[in-house]
N, C-alpha and C. Protein backbone atom coordinates (compact mmCIF):
# COMPACT_ATOMS: atom_id res chain seq x y z
N MET A 1 0.83 -1.18 0.00
CA MET A 1 0.00 0.00 0.00
C MET A 1 0.88 1.25 0.00
N ASP A 2 0.61 2.18 -0.89
CA ASP A 2 1.36 3.43 -1.01
C ASP A 2 0.83 4.44 0.02
N PRO A 3 1.70 4.99 0.88
CA PRO A 3 1.22 5.94 1.90
C PRO A 3 0.74 7.26 1.30
N PHE A 4 1.10 7.53 0.05
CA PHE A 4 0.70 8.78 -0.58
C PHE A 4 -0.47 8.60 -1.53
N ASP A 5 -1.08 7.44 -1.52
CA ASP A 5 -2.25 7.19 -2.36
C ASP A 5 -3.47 7.79 -1.66
N LEU A 6 -4.01 8.85 -2.24
CA LEU A 6 -5.14 9.54 -1.62
C LEU A 6 -6.47 9.06 -2.15
N GLY A 7 -6.44 8.10 -3.03
CA GLY A 7 -7.66 7.52 -3.54
C GLY A 7 -8.33 8.41 -4.58
N PRO A 8 -9.61 8.18 -4.77
CA PRO A 8 -10.32 8.90 -5.82
C PRO A 8 -10.55 10.39 -5.51
N HIS A 9 -10.31 10.78 -4.30
CA HIS A 9 -10.55 12.18 -3.90
C HIS A 9 -9.24 12.96 -3.80
N ALA A 10 -8.21 12.51 -4.45
CA ALA A 10 -6.88 13.14 -4.35
C ALA A 10 -6.93 14.60 -4.79
N GLY A 11 -7.61 14.89 -5.88
CA GLY A 11 -7.69 16.27 -6.37
C GLY A 11 -8.33 17.20 -5.36
N PHE A 12 -9.40 16.75 -4.74
CA PHE A 12 -10.09 17.55 -3.73
C PHE A 12 -9.19 17.78 -2.51
N ILE A 13 -8.52 16.74 -2.07
CA ILE A 13 -7.65 16.84 -0.89
C ILE A 13 -6.50 17.80 -1.15
N VAL A 14 -5.85 17.66 -2.29
CA VAL A 14 -4.73 18.53 -2.63
C VAL A 14 -5.21 19.97 -2.80
N ALA A 15 -6.35 20.16 -3.43
CA ALA A 15 -6.88 21.52 -3.60
C ALA A 15 -7.17 22.16 -2.25
N CYS A 16 -7.71 21.41 -1.32
CA CYS A 16 -8.00 21.95 0.02
C CYS A 16 -6.72 22.38 0.73
N TYR A 17 -5.67 21.57 0.62
CA TYR A 17 -4.39 21.94 1.23
C TYR A 17 -3.82 23.20 0.58
N ILE A 18 -3.91 23.30 -0.73
CA ILE A 18 -3.39 24.48 -1.43
C ILE A 18 -4.18 25.72 -1.03
N ILE A 19 -5.48 25.62 -0.99
CA ILE A 19 -6.31 26.77 -0.60
C ILE A 19 -6.02 27.18 0.84
N THR A 20 -5.92 26.21 1.73
CA THR A 20 -5.64 26.51 3.13
C THR A 20 -4.29 27.18 3.29
N PHE A 21 -3.27 26.65 2.63
CA PHE A 21 -1.94 27.25 2.70
C PHE A 21 -1.97 28.67 2.15
N SER A 22 -2.67 28.89 1.06
CA SER A 22 -2.75 30.22 0.46
C SER A 22 -3.43 31.22 1.39
N VAL A 23 -4.51 30.81 2.03
CA VAL A 23 -5.23 31.71 2.94
C VAL A 23 -4.37 32.04 4.16
N VAL A 24 -3.72 31.05 4.72
CA VAL A 24 -2.86 31.29 5.89
C VAL A 24 -1.70 32.22 5.52
N ALA A 25 -1.08 31.99 4.36
CA ALA A 25 0.02 32.84 3.91
C ALA A 25 -0.47 34.27 3.67
N ALA A 26 -1.67 34.43 3.11
CA ALA A 26 -2.23 35.76 2.86
C ALA A 26 -2.50 36.49 4.18
N VAL A 27 -3.02 35.80 5.17
CA VAL A 27 -3.29 36.43 6.47
C VAL A 27 -1.99 36.84 7.15
N ILE A 28 -0.98 35.98 7.09
CA ILE A 28 0.32 36.33 7.68
C ILE A 28 0.90 37.55 6.97
N GLY A 29 0.84 37.58 5.65
CA GLY A 29 1.33 38.73 4.90
C GLY A 29 0.58 40.00 5.25
N TRP A 30 -0.74 39.90 5.34
CA TRP A 30 -1.59 41.04 5.69
C TRP A 30 -1.20 41.59 7.07
N VAL A 31 -1.00 40.72 8.03
CA VAL A 31 -0.63 41.16 9.38
C VAL A 31 0.73 41.84 9.37
N LEU A 32 1.69 41.29 8.64
CA LEU A 32 3.02 41.90 8.60
C LEU A 32 2.99 43.27 7.93
N ILE A 33 2.23 43.40 6.84
CA ILE A 33 2.11 44.69 6.16
C ILE A 33 1.41 45.70 7.07
N ASP A 34 0.34 45.27 7.74
CA ASP A 34 -0.40 46.17 8.64
C ASP A 34 0.48 46.61 9.79
N ARG A 35 1.30 45.71 10.32
CA ARG A 35 2.20 46.05 11.42
C ARG A 35 3.20 47.12 10.97
N ALA A 36 3.75 46.96 9.78
CA ALA A 36 4.70 47.94 9.27
C ALA A 36 4.04 49.30 9.09
N GLN A 37 2.81 49.32 8.58
CA GLN A 37 2.10 50.58 8.39
C GLN A 37 1.79 51.24 9.73
N LEU A 38 1.38 50.46 10.71
CA LEU A 38 1.07 51.03 12.03
C LEU A 38 2.33 51.54 12.72
N ASN A 39 3.44 50.83 12.58
CA ASN A 39 4.69 51.31 13.16
C ASN A 39 5.13 52.61 12.51
N ALA A 40 4.95 52.73 11.20
CA ALA A 40 5.30 53.97 10.49
C ALA A 40 4.42 55.12 10.97
N ALA A 41 3.13 54.87 11.13
CA ALA A 41 2.21 55.90 11.62
C ALA A 41 2.56 56.31 13.05
N LEU A 42 2.90 55.35 13.88
CA LEU A 42 3.27 55.64 15.26
C LEU A 42 4.55 56.47 15.31
N LYS A 43 5.52 56.12 14.49
CA LYS A 43 6.77 56.89 14.45
C LYS A 43 6.51 58.32 13.99
N GLU A 44 5.63 58.48 13.02
CA GLU A 44 5.29 59.82 12.54
C GLU A 44 4.65 60.64 13.65
N LEU A 45 3.76 60.04 14.41
CA LEU A 45 3.13 60.76 15.53
C LEU A 45 4.15 61.11 16.61
N GLU A 46 5.04 60.17 16.90
CA GLU A 46 6.06 60.44 17.92
C GLU A 46 7.02 61.53 17.46
N ASP A 47 7.31 61.59 16.15
CA ASP A 47 8.16 62.66 15.61
C ASP A 47 7.49 64.02 15.75
N GLN A 48 6.15 64.05 15.77
CA GLN A 48 5.40 65.30 15.94
C GLN A 48 5.27 65.68 17.42
N GLY A 49 5.75 64.82 18.29
CA GLY A 49 5.70 65.12 19.72
C GLY A 49 4.53 64.49 20.44
N ILE A 50 3.73 63.72 19.73
CA ILE A 50 2.60 63.05 20.35
C ILE A 50 3.10 61.73 20.91
N THR A 51 2.90 61.55 22.22
CA THR A 51 3.39 60.33 22.85
C THR A 51 2.23 59.45 23.28
N ARG A 52 2.57 58.26 23.65
CA ARG A 52 1.55 57.30 24.07
C ARG A 52 1.06 57.63 25.47
N ALA A 53 -0.20 57.36 25.72
CA ALA A 53 -0.79 57.63 27.03
C ALA A 53 -0.12 56.79 28.10
N SER A 54 0.29 55.58 27.77
CA SER A 54 0.93 54.70 28.76
C SER A 54 2.28 55.28 29.19
N ASN A 55 2.97 55.99 28.31
CA ASN A 55 4.23 56.62 28.68
C ASN A 55 4.02 57.78 29.64
N LYS A 56 2.91 58.49 29.53
CA LYS A 56 2.62 59.61 30.42
C LYS A 56 2.36 59.11 31.84
N GLN A 57 1.71 57.98 31.96
CA GLN A 57 1.42 57.42 33.28
C GLN A 57 2.70 56.94 33.95
N ASN A 58 3.62 56.37 33.17
CA ASN A 58 4.87 55.87 33.73
C ASN A 58 5.83 57.00 34.07
N ALA A 59 5.68 58.16 33.45
CA ALA A 59 6.58 59.28 33.69
C ALA A 59 6.31 59.97 35.03
N SER A 60 5.14 59.79 35.59
CA SER A 60 4.77 60.46 36.84
C SER A 60 5.52 59.92 38.03
């Protein structure tokens, strides 16, 4: 018996794995891009002198 024999539903099984991998990769990419954009926006605000509220509480 071949361990890689997926039977008559091989196309469906492989397609599901490909779709799942693609969706997970897209979500990871989306999160990384969003993180970079948010970090850039935060740096821009900090360059303008706007600081985080949590930093004001710790400064007291």
